[in-house]
């Protein structure tokens, strides 16, 4: 039902960024059940962005797919654009960590300080977004080691 509703919204409102965003969310969440790929979900997120470049949620949602595809530049660009659009402190932690951890100018010590200062729940989400990226500074490994070394949180 959700699939049909979201898909129908893109047909009825082909120029609506929110309709395309929600279709991408459905593709992303139910991909295998819909026989939808990450590339198709990514294309739908990008279509939402093309329709409205100020629609911040599409950038943040596309981050994980860019990371899964190994696209460091794409992940950083999406995170930077999201940060420029959404000034809410509640939603900035993960994209901010991504942009800083993937910046080749950031020293390993500065990256570690950032990881140490980031809440565990944000580290998990950051890790999920970048774990497949080829990264010379080994940000994923640093995050995973930091999470493992912290006091266990029952939620994770």
Protein backbone atom coordinates (compact mmCIF):
# COMPACT_ATOMS: atom_id res chain seq x y z
CA UNK A 1 0.00 0.00 0.00
CA UNK A 2 2.77 2.43 0.91
CA UNK A 3 4.56 1.61 -2.34
CA UNK A 4 1.48 2.31 -4.43
CA UNK A 5 0.71 5.52 -2.58
CA UNK A 6 4.25 6.87 -2.96
CA UNK A 7 4.51 5.85 -6.60
CA UNK A 8 1.09 7.31 -7.40
CA UNK A 9 2.15 10.59 -5.77
CA UNK A 10 5.05 10.88 -8.24
CA UNK A 11 2.61 10.28 -11.12
CA UNK A 12 0.05 12.81 -9.90
CA UNK A 13 2.66 15.38 -8.86
CA UNK A 14 5.69 14.81 -11.11
CA UNK A 15 7.19 18.20 -10.23
CA UNK A 16 6.86 17.78 -6.46
CA UNK A 17 10.20 17.19 -4.72
CA UNK A 18 8.51 15.80 -1.61
CA UNK A 19 6.65 13.17 -3.66
CA UNK A 20 9.92 12.01 -5.22
CA UNK A 21 11.65 12.09 -1.85
CA UNK A 22 9.01 9.82 -0.29
CA UNK A 23 9.14 7.47 -3.29
CA UNK A 24 12.94 7.27 -2.76
CA UNK A 25 12.42 6.55 0.95
CA UNK A 26 10.08 3.68 0.05
CA UNK A 27 12.54 2.35 -2.55
CA UNK A 28 15.36 2.64 -0.03
CA UNK A 29 13.49 0.91 2.79
CA UNK A 30 11.73 -1.79 0.77
CA UNK A 31 14.22 -2.18 -2.06
CA UNK A 32 14.42 -5.94 -2.31
CA UNK A 33 10.67 -6.35 -1.89
CA UNK A 34 10.09 -3.87 -4.72
CA UNK A 35 12.92 -5.24 -6.83
CA UNK A 36 14.36 -1.76 -6.54
CA UNK A 37 18.09 -1.11 -6.38
CA UNK A 38 20.16 1.44 -4.47
CA UNK A 39 20.82 3.11 -7.83
CA UNK A 40 17.08 3.57 -8.39
CA UNK A 41 16.55 5.00 -4.90
CA UNK A 42 19.57 7.26 -5.39
CA UNK A 43 18.15 8.44 -8.72
CA UNK A 44 14.82 9.26 -7.04
CA UNK A 45 16.59 11.23 -4.27
CA UNK A 46 18.57 13.07 -6.93
CA UNK A 47 15.37 13.78 -8.87
CA UNK A 48 13.88 15.33 -5.72
CA UNK A 49 17.03 17.45 -5.36
CA UNK A 50 16.87 18.48 -9.03
CA UNK A 51 13.26 19.58 -8.57
CA UNK A 52 14.04 21.57 -5.42
CA UNK A 53 17.70 22.08 -4.55
CA UNK A 54 16.60 23.56 -1.22
CA UNK A 55 14.86 20.37 -0.06
CA UNK A 56 17.32 19.34 2.66
CA UNK A 57 15.94 15.90 3.63
CA UNK A 58 16.80 14.43 0.23
CA UNK A 59 20.49 15.27 0.68
CA UNK A 60 20.72 13.63 4.07
CA UNK A 61 18.89 10.50 2.98
CA UNK A 62 21.07 10.05 -0.09
CA UNK A 63 24.26 10.13 2.02
CA UNK A 64 24.19 6.45 2.94
CA UNK A 65 23.65 5.36 -0.66
CA UNK A 66 26.59 7.48 -1.82
CA UNK A 67 28.65 5.88 0.94
CA UNK A 68 27.56 2.38 -0.03
CA UNK A 69 28.58 3.13 -3.62
CA UNK A 70 32.06 4.14 -2.46
CA UNK A 71 31.56 7.72 -3.66
CA UNK A 72 33.59 9.83 -1.21
CA UNK A 73 33.20 13.03 -3.22
CA UNK A 74 29.44 12.47 -3.57
CA UNK A 75 29.00 11.75 0.13
CA UNK A 76 30.96 14.86 1.11
CA UNK A 77 29.07 17.03 -1.39
CA UNK A 78 25.68 15.78 -0.16
CA UNK A 79 26.70 16.36 3.47
CA UNK A 80 28.02 19.86 2.71
CA UNK A 81 24.86 20.85 0.82
CA UNK A 82 22.69 19.47 3.61
CA UNK A 83 24.64 21.45 6.22
CA UNK A 84 24.24 24.63 4.17
CA UNK A 85 20.47 24.13 4.04
CA UNK A 86 19.62 22.85 7.51
CA UNK A 87 20.95 24.86 10.43
CA UNK A 88 19.14 22.77 13.06
CA UNK A 89 21.64 21.45 15.60
CA UNK A 90 19.54 18.30 16.09
CA UNK A 91 20.09 17.13 12.52
CA UNK A 92 23.60 18.39 11.80
CA UNK A 93 25.75 16.01 13.85
CA UNK A 94 25.98 13.15 11.35
CA UNK A 95 26.52 15.16 8.13
CA UNK A 96 29.01 17.38 10.00
CA UNK A 97 30.96 14.34 11.16
CA UNK A 98 30.94 12.94 7.63
CA UNK A 99 32.25 16.13 6.04
CA UNK A 100 35.02 16.43 8.61
CA UNK A 101 36.03 12.77 8.68
CA UNK A 102 36.18 12.55 4.89
CA UNK A 103 38.10 15.79 4.45
CA UNK A 104 41.67 14.86 3.45
CA UNK A 105 42.93 18.05 5.12
CA UNK A 106 41.77 16.87 8.56
CA UNK A 107 44.62 15.28 10.50
CA UNK A 108 44.18 11.84 12.08
CA UNK A 109 44.44 13.44 15.54
CA UNK A 110 41.71 15.97 14.72
CA UNK A 111 39.53 13.17 13.32
CA UNK A 112 39.99 11.18 16.51
CA UNK A 113 39.08 14.20 18.65
CA UNK A 114 35.90 14.60 16.59
CA UNK A 115 35.03 10.92 17.06
CA UNK A 116 35.72 11.11 20.79
CA UNK A 117 33.41 14.13 21.11
CA UNK A 118 30.52 12.59 19.13
CA UNK A 119 27.64 10.78 20.82
CA UNK A 120 27.54 7.02 20.25
CA UNK A 121 24.15 7.13 18.51
CA UNK A 122 25.52 9.64 16.00
CA UNK A 123 28.65 7.55 15.50
CA UNK A 124 26.51 4.53 14.60
CA UNK A 125 24.64 6.49 11.94
CA UNK A 126 27.87 8.00 10.65
CA UNK A 127 29.44 4.55 10.45
CA UNK A 128 26.46 3.20 8.51
CA UNK A 129 26.81 6.03 6.00
CA UNK A 130 30.55 5.66 5.35
CA UNK A 131 31.52 2.08 6.18
CA UNK A 132 32.03 1.05 2.54
CA UNK A 133 34.01 4.11 1.50
CA UNK A 134 37.68 3.68 0.63
CA UNK A 135 39.26 6.03 3.11
CA UNK A 136 42.96 6.57 3.70
CA UNK A 137 42.36 7.87 7.21
CA UNK A 138 40.33 4.77 8.07
CA UNK A 139 37.46 6.77 9.57
CA UNK A 140 35.16 3.73 9.63
CA UNK A 141 37.70 1.70 11.56
CA UNK A 142 38.31 4.55 13.99
CA UNK A 143 34.57 4.93 14.60
CA UNK A 144 34.07 1.19 15.09
CA UNK A 145 36.97 1.01 17.58
CA UNK A 146 35.58 4.00 19.46
CA UNK A 147 32.11 2.48 19.69
CA UNK A 148 33.55 -0.85 20.87
CA UNK A 149 35.62 0.86 23.55
CA UNK A 150 32.71 2.82 25.01
CA UNK A 151 30.44 1.70 27.79
CA UNK A 152 27.78 -0.56 26.33
CA UNK A 153 24.48 1.12 25.51
CA UNK A 154 21.50 -1.27 25.52
CA UNK A 155 20.09 0.41 22.40
CA UNK A 156 22.98 -0.80 20.25
